[in-house]
Amino acid sequence: MHETDMTKALIMTVKDWYDSQPQPYKIDKVHLIVGEFTCVEPASLEFAFEVQTRNTFLEGATLAIKEIPLVAYCHHCQEEYKPEIGLQYSCPKCNSPMDDIRSGRELKIDRLEYSCV
């Protein structure tokens, strides 16, 4: 379950921001952008986040996950297409291998919702 390691990295990143603030805040929600090709399971990520934030500065905060679809570009056909994860990564028209991913690899914090303590 790589969601556990991703959650640890997420918490450390938010903690760095939190510690740099002149006053403490209560973080209510962490907005993430997660690409489909990262193979991150949102439900597993939410579960790992809930478990790992217990008794921490993030306790009670929730995740809002925006999923970004996998989109590739076929240079032979000069068209974008949406590969089927785990089934068909090559171009559906000419079967050229997927070599130009336009979206779907994102994994980043978009923003935080917080309030003064």
N, C-alpha and C. Protein backbone atom coordinates (compact mmCIF):
# COMPACT_ATOMS: atom_id res chain seq x y z
N MET A 1 0.85 -1.19 0.00
CA MET A 1 0.00 0.00 0.00
C MET A 1 0.89 1.24 0.00
N HIS A 2 1.14 1.80 -1.17
CA HIS A 2 1.99 2.98 -1.23
C HIS A 2 1.27 4.23 -0.77
N GLU A 3 -0.04 4.15 -0.54
CA GLU A 3 -0.78 5.29 -0.01
C GLU A 3 -0.27 5.69 1.38
N THR A 4 0.18 4.69 2.16
CA THR A 4 0.71 4.98 3.50
C THR A 4 1.95 5.86 3.41
N ASP A 5 2.87 5.51 2.53
CA ASP A 5 4.08 6.32 2.36
C ASP A 5 3.76 7.70 1.79
N MET A 6 2.82 7.75 0.87
CA MET A 6 2.42 9.05 0.31
C MET A 6 1.80 9.94 1.37
N THR A 7 1.02 9.33 2.25
CA THR A 7 0.40 10.09 3.32
C THR A 7 1.45 10.65 4.27
N LYS A 8 2.47 9.86 4.58
CA LYS A 8 3.56 10.35 5.44
C LYS A 8 4.24 11.55 4.81
N ALA A 9 4.51 11.48 3.51
CA ALA A 9 5.15 12.61 2.82
C ALA A 9 4.23 13.83 2.80
N LEU A 10 2.94 13.60 2.61
CA LEU A 10 1.95 14.68 2.63
C LEU A 10 1.95 15.37 3.99
N ILE A 11 1.90 14.59 5.05
CA ILE A 11 1.88 15.14 6.40
C ILE A 11 3.14 15.95 6.68
N MET A 12 4.29 15.43 6.25
CA MET A 12 5.55 16.15 6.47
C MET A 12 5.57 17.48 5.71
N THR A 13 5.03 17.49 4.51
CA THR A 13 4.98 18.73 3.72
C THR A 13 4.08 19.76 4.38
N VAL A 14 2.90 19.33 4.81
CA VAL A 14 1.98 20.25 5.48
C VAL A 14 2.58 20.71 6.81
N LYS A 15 3.27 19.83 7.50
CA LYS A 15 3.90 20.18 8.78
C LYS A 15 4.95 21.27 8.58
N ASP A 16 5.74 21.16 7.52
CA ASP A 16 6.73 22.21 7.23
C ASP A 16 6.06 23.56 7.06
N TRP A 17 4.95 23.59 6.31
CA TRP A 17 4.21 24.84 6.14
C TRP A 17 3.66 25.32 7.49
N TYR A 18 3.05 24.41 8.22
CA TYR A 18 2.42 24.72 9.51
C TYR A 18 3.45 25.34 10.47
N ASP A 19 4.62 24.73 10.54
CA ASP A 19 5.66 25.21 11.45
C ASP A 19 6.23 26.57 11.04
N SER A 20 6.09 26.93 9.78
CA SER A 20 6.63 28.21 9.31
C SER A 20 5.68 29.38 9.53
N GLN A 21 4.47 29.10 9.98
CA GLN A 21 3.48 30.16 10.16
C GLN A 21 3.70 30.90 11.48
N PRO A 22 3.44 32.21 11.49
CA PRO A 22 3.65 33.00 12.71
C PRO A 22 2.66 32.69 13.82
N GLN A 23 1.52 32.11 13.46
CA GLN A 23 0.52 31.73 14.47
C GLN A 23 -0.04 30.37 14.10
N PRO A 24 -0.54 29.64 15.08
CA PRO A 24 -1.09 28.31 14.78
C PRO A 24 -2.46 28.42 14.09
N TYR A 25 -2.71 27.50 13.21
CA TYR A 25 -3.99 27.41 12.52
C TYR A 25 -4.57 26.01 12.73
N LYS A 26 -5.88 25.93 12.60
CA LYS A 26 -6.54 24.63 12.58
C LYS A 26 -6.78 24.31 11.11
N ILE A 27 -6.17 23.25 10.65
CA ILE A 27 -6.34 22.85 9.26
C ILE A 27 -7.58 21.98 9.16
N ASP A 28 -8.51 22.42 8.32
CA ASP A 28 -9.78 21.72 8.17
C ASP A 28 -9.79 20.75 7.00
N LYS A 29 -9.14 21.14 5.90
CA LYS A 29 -9.19 20.31 4.71
C LYS A 29 -7.92 20.49 3.89
N VAL A 30 -7.44 19.39 3.35
CA VAL A 30 -6.28 19.39 2.46
C VAL A 30 -6.80 18.97 1.08
N HIS A 31 -6.65 19.86 0.12
CA HIS A 31 -7.09 19.58 -1.25
C HIS A 31 -5.91 19.02 -2.04
N LEU A 32 -6.12 17.86 -2.63
CA LEU A 32 -5.08 17.19 -3.42
C LEU A 32 -5.52 17.05 -4.87
N ILE A 33 -4.54 17.05 -5.76
CA ILE A 33 -4.75 16.72 -7.15
C ILE A 33 -4.01 15.41 -7.38
N VAL A 34 -4.76 14.40 -7.81
CA VAL A 34 -4.19 13.06 -7.98
C VAL A 34 -4.49 12.56 -9.39
N GLY A 35 -3.43 12.28 -10.13
CA GLY A 35 -3.57 11.75 -11.47
C GLY A 35 -3.92 10.27 -11.46
N GLU A 36 -4.71 9.87 -12.41
CA GLU A 36 -5.16 8.48 -12.51
C GLU A 36 -3.99 7.51 -12.70
N PHE A 37 -2.93 7.94 -13.37
CA PHE A 37 -1.80 7.07 -13.67
C PHE A 37 -0.86 6.88 -12.48
N THR A 38 -1.10 7.59 -11.38
CA THR A 38 -0.30 7.39 -10.17
C THR A 38 -0.72 6.10 -9.47
N CYS A 39 -1.87 5.57 -9.85
CA CYS A 39 -2.43 4.34 -9.26
C CYS A 39 -2.68 4.50 -7.76
N VAL A 40 -2.96 5.70 -7.33
CA VAL A 40 -3.33 5.96 -5.94
C VAL A 40 -4.83 5.73 -5.81
N GLU A 41 -5.20 4.93 -4.85
CA GLU A 41 -6.60 4.64 -4.59
C GLU A 41 -7.11 5.69 -3.60
N PRO A 42 -8.01 6.59 -4.02
CA PRO A 42 -8.47 7.66 -3.13
C PRO A 42 -8.99 7.18 -1.78
N ALA A 43 -9.77 6.11 -1.76
CA ALA A 43 -10.31 5.61 -0.49
C ALA A 43 -9.19 5.15 0.44
N SER A 44 -8.18 4.51 -0.11
CA SER A 44 -7.04 4.06 0.70
C SER A 44 -6.24 5.25 1.21
N LEU A 45 -6.10 6.26 0.37
CA LEU A 45 -5.38 7.47 0.78
C LEU A 45 -6.13 8.18 1.90
N GLU A 46 -7.43 8.28 1.79
CA GLU A 46 -8.24 8.91 2.84
C GLU A 46 -8.14 8.13 4.14
N PHE A 47 -8.18 6.80 4.06
CA PHE A 47 -8.07 5.97 5.26
C PHE A 47 -6.70 6.16 5.91
N ALA A 48 -5.64 6.10 5.11
CA ALA A 48 -4.29 6.27 5.65
C ALA A 48 -4.13 7.65 6.29
N PHE A 49 -4.70 8.67 5.66
CA PHE A 49 -4.62 10.02 6.20
C PHE A 49 -5.33 10.11 7.55
N GLU A 50 -6.52 9.53 7.64
CA GLU A 50 -7.27 9.57 8.90
C GLU A 50 -6.48 8.87 10.02
N VAL A 51 -5.94 7.72 9.73
CA VAL A 51 -5.20 6.95 10.74
C VAL A 51 -3.92 7.68 11.16
N GLN A 52 -3.17 8.18 10.20
CA GLN A 52 -1.88 8.78 10.50
C GLN A 52 -1.96 10.18 11.10
N THR A 53 -3.12 10.82 11.02
CA THR A 53 -3.24 12.16 11.59
C THR A 53 -3.87 12.17 12.98
N ARG A 54 -4.23 11.01 13.49
CA ARG A 54 -4.79 10.96 14.84
C ARG A 54 -3.76 11.48 15.84
N ASN A 55 -4.23 12.30 16.76
CA ASN A 55 -3.39 12.89 17.81
C ASN A 55 -2.25 13.74 17.25
N THR A 56 -2.49 14.37 16.10
CA THR A 56 -1.50 15.28 15.53
C THR A 56 -2.17 16.62 15.25
N PHE A 57 -1.40 17.56 14.75
CA PHE A 57 -1.94 18.87 14.41
C PHE A 57 -2.98 18.78 13.29
N LEU A 58 -3.05 17.68 12.58
CA LEU A 58 -4.01 17.49 11.49
C LEU A 58 -5.24 16.67 11.89
N GLU A 59 -5.33 16.31 13.14
CA GLU A 59 -6.48 15.49 13.55
C GLU A 59 -7.78 16.21 13.22
N GLY A 60 -8.69 15.49 12.60
CA GLY A 60 -9.99 16.05 12.22
C GLY A 60 -10.01 16.66 10.82
N ALA A 61 -8.84 16.89 10.25
CA ALA A 61 -8.79 17.42 8.89
C ALA A 61 -9.22 16.32 7.91
N THR A 62 -9.76 16.75 6.79
CA THR A 62 -10.17 15.79 5.77
C THR A 62 -9.42 16.05 4.47
N LEU A 63 -9.47 15.07 3.59
CA LEU A 63 -8.88 15.22 2.26
C LEU A 63 -9.99 15.47 1.25
N ALA A 64 -9.72 16.36 0.32
CA ALA A 64 -10.59 16.55 -0.85
C ALA A 64 -9.71 16.21 -2.05
N ILE A 65 -10.06 15.15 -2.73
CA ILE A 65 -9.22 14.64 -3.80
C ILE A 65 -9.87 14.91 -5.16
N LYS A 66 -9.14 15.64 -6.00
CA LYS A 66 -9.59 15.88 -7.37
C LYS A 66 -8.78 14.94 -8.26
N GLU A 67 -9.48 14.04 -8.92
CA GLU A 67 -8.80 13.07 -9.78
C GLU A 67 -8.66 13.62 -11.21
N ILE A 68 -7.47 13.44 -11.76
CA ILE A 68 -7.17 13.90 -13.11
C ILE A 68 -7.03 12.65 -14.00
N PRO A 69 -7.77 12.60 -15.11
CA PRO A 69 -7.72 11.40 -15.96
C PRO A 69 -6.38 11.27 -16.70
N LEU A 70 -6.06 10.04 -17.06
CA LEU A 70 -4.90 9.77 -17.89
C LEU A 70 -5.23 10.12 -19.33
N VAL A 71 -4.43 11.01 -19.91
CA VAL A 71 -4.59 11.39 -21.30
C VAL A 71 -3.21 11.29 -21.96
N ALA A 72 -3.17 10.59 -23.08
CA ALA A 72 -1.93 10.43 -23.83
C ALA A 72 -2.10 11.04 -25.22
N TYR A 73 -0.96 11.23 -25.88
CA TYR A 73 -0.98 11.78 -27.23
C TYR A 73 -0.24 10.83 -28.16
N CYS A 74 -0.88 10.52 -29.28
CA CYS A 74 -0.26 9.66 -30.29
C CYS A 74 0.33 10.57 -31.38
N HIS A 75 1.64 10.53 -31.51
CA HIS A 75 2.30 11.36 -32.53
C HIS A 75 2.02 10.85 -33.94
N HIS A 76 1.78 9.56 -34.08
CA HIS A 76 1.48 9.00 -35.39
C HIS A 76 0.11 9.47 -35.89
N CYS A 77 -0.90 9.39 -35.01
CA CYS A 77 -2.27 9.79 -35.38
C CYS A 77 -2.53 11.27 -35.16
N GLN A 78 -1.62 11.93 -34.42
CA GLN A 78 -1.78 13.35 -34.09
C GLN A 78 -3.07 13.61 -33.30
N GLU A 79 -3.36 12.70 -32.34
CA GLU A 79 -4.58 12.84 -31.53
C GLU A 79 -4.31 12.44 -30.09
N GLU A 80 -5.07 13.06 -29.19
CA GLU A 80 -5.07 12.64 -27.78
C GLU A 80 -6.03 11.46 -27.63
N TYR A 81 -5.75 10.62 -26.65
CA TYR A 81 -6.65 9.51 -26.35
C TYR A 81 -6.55 9.21 -24.85
N LYS A 82 -7.55 8.49 -24.35
CA LYS A 82 -7.58 8.11 -22.94
C LYS A 82 -7.34 6.61 -22.82
N PRO A 83 -6.12 6.24 -22.44
CA PRO A 83 -5.83 4.81 -22.26
C PRO A 83 -6.66 4.22 -21.12
N GLU A 84 -6.93 2.94 -21.22
CA GLU A 84 -7.63 2.23 -20.15
C GLU A 84 -6.59 1.67 -19.19
N ILE A 85 -6.62 2.15 -17.96
CA ILE A 85 -5.63 1.75 -16.96
C ILE A 85 -5.61 0.23 -16.82
N GLY A 86 -4.42 -0.33 -16.97
CA GLY A 86 -4.24 -1.76 -16.79
C GLY A 86 -4.68 -2.63 -17.96
N LEU A 87 -5.32 -2.03 -18.96
CA LEU A 87 -5.84 -2.84 -20.07
C LEU A 87 -5.16 -2.51 -21.39
N GLN A 88 -5.23 -1.26 -21.80
CA GLN A 88 -4.75 -0.88 -23.13
C GLN A 88 -4.10 0.50 -23.04
N TYR A 89 -2.76 0.51 -23.07
CA TYR A 89 -2.04 1.78 -23.00
C TYR A 89 -1.68 2.30 -24.38
N SER A 90 -1.70 1.47 -25.39
CA SER A 90 -1.32 1.91 -26.73
C SER A 90 -2.47 2.67 -27.38
N CYS A 91 -2.14 3.36 -28.44
CA CYS A 91 -3.14 4.13 -29.18
C CYS A 91 -4.23 3.19 -29.69
N PRO A 92 -5.49 3.54 -29.48
CA PRO A 92 -6.58 2.66 -29.92
C PRO A 92 -6.73 2.59 -31.44
N LYS A 93 -6.16 3.57 -32.15
CA LYS A 93 -6.30 3.57 -33.62
C LYS A 93 -5.16 2.82 -34.31
N CYS A 94 -3.92 3.09 -33.88
CA CYS A 94 -2.78 2.52 -34.61
C CYS A 94 -1.93 1.57 -33.76
N ASN A 95 -2.27 1.43 -32.47
CA ASN A 95 -1.55 0.57 -31.53
C ASN A 95 -0.11 1.00 -31.25
N SER A 96 0.22 2.24 -31.53
CA SER A 96 1.54 2.76 -31.16
C SER A 96 1.63 2.79 -29.64
N PRO A 97 2.80 2.48 -29.09
CA PRO A 97 2.93 2.51 -27.63
C PRO A 97 2.74 3.91 -27.07
N MET A 98 2.20 3.96 -25.87
CA MET A 98 2.00 5.24 -25.20
C MET A 98 3.37 5.81 -24.83
N ASP A 99 3.72 6.95 -25.41
CA ASP A 99 5.01 7.55 -25.09
C ASP A 99 4.93 9.02 -24.76
N ASP A 100 3.74 9.60 -24.83
CA ASP A 100 3.57 11.02 -24.53
C ASP A 100 2.35 11.18 -23.64
N ILE A 101 2.58 11.24 -22.34
CA ILE A 101 1.48 11.39 -21.37
C ILE A 101 1.23 12.87 -21.16
N ARG A 102 0.01 13.30 -21.42
CA ARG A 102 -0.35 14.72 -21.28
C ARG A 102 -0.90 15.04 -19.89
N SER A 103 -1.58 14.10 -19.27
CA SER A 103 -2.06 14.30 -17.90
C SER A 103 -2.29 12.93 -17.27
N GLY A 104 -2.35 12.94 -15.95
CA GLY A 104 -2.62 11.70 -15.22
C GLY A 104 -1.52 11.29 -14.28
N ARG A 105 -0.39 12.02 -14.29
CA ARG A 105 0.72 11.70 -13.38
C ARG A 105 0.81 12.67 -12.20
N GLU A 106 -0.13 13.58 -12.10
CA GLU A 106 -0.09 14.59 -11.04
C GLU A 106 -0.28 13.98 -9.66
N LEU A 107 0.42 14.53 -8.71
CA LEU A 107 0.23 14.16 -7.31
C LEU A 107 0.75 15.34 -6.50
N LYS A 108 -0.17 16.24 -6.14
CA LYS A 108 0.28 17.45 -5.45
C LYS A 108 -0.81 18.03 -4.56
N ILE A 109 -0.34 18.84 -3.63
CA ILE A 109 -1.26 19.58 -2.76
C ILE A 109 -1.72 20.79 -3.54
N ASP A 110 -3.01 20.95 -3.66
CA ASP A 110 -3.57 22.09 -4.38
C ASP A 110 -3.70 23.29 -3.44
N ARG A 111 -4.31 23.04 -2.28
CA ARG A 111 -4.48 24.13 -1.30
C ARG A 111 -4.91 23.56 0.04
N LEU A 112 -4.88 24.40 1.06
CA LEU A 112 -5.31 24.04 2.40
C LEU A 112 -6.47 24.96 2.80
N GLU A 113 -7.41 24.41 3.51
CA GLU A 113 -8.45 25.24 4.15
C GLU A 113 -8.14 25.22 5.64
N TYR A 114 -8.05 26.41 6.23
CA TYR A 114 -7.70 26.48 7.64
C TYR A 114 -8.34 27.70 8.27
N SER A 115 -8.35 27.72 9.61
CA SER A 115 -8.91 28.83 10.37
C SER A 115 -8.01 29.13 11.55
N CYS A 116 -8.14 30.32 12.08
CA CYS A 116 -7.34 30.71 13.24
C CYS A 116 -7.77 29.90 14.45
N VAL A 117 -6.80 29.61 15.29
CA VAL A 117 -7.07 28.83 16.50
C VAL A 117 -7.59 29.75 17.58
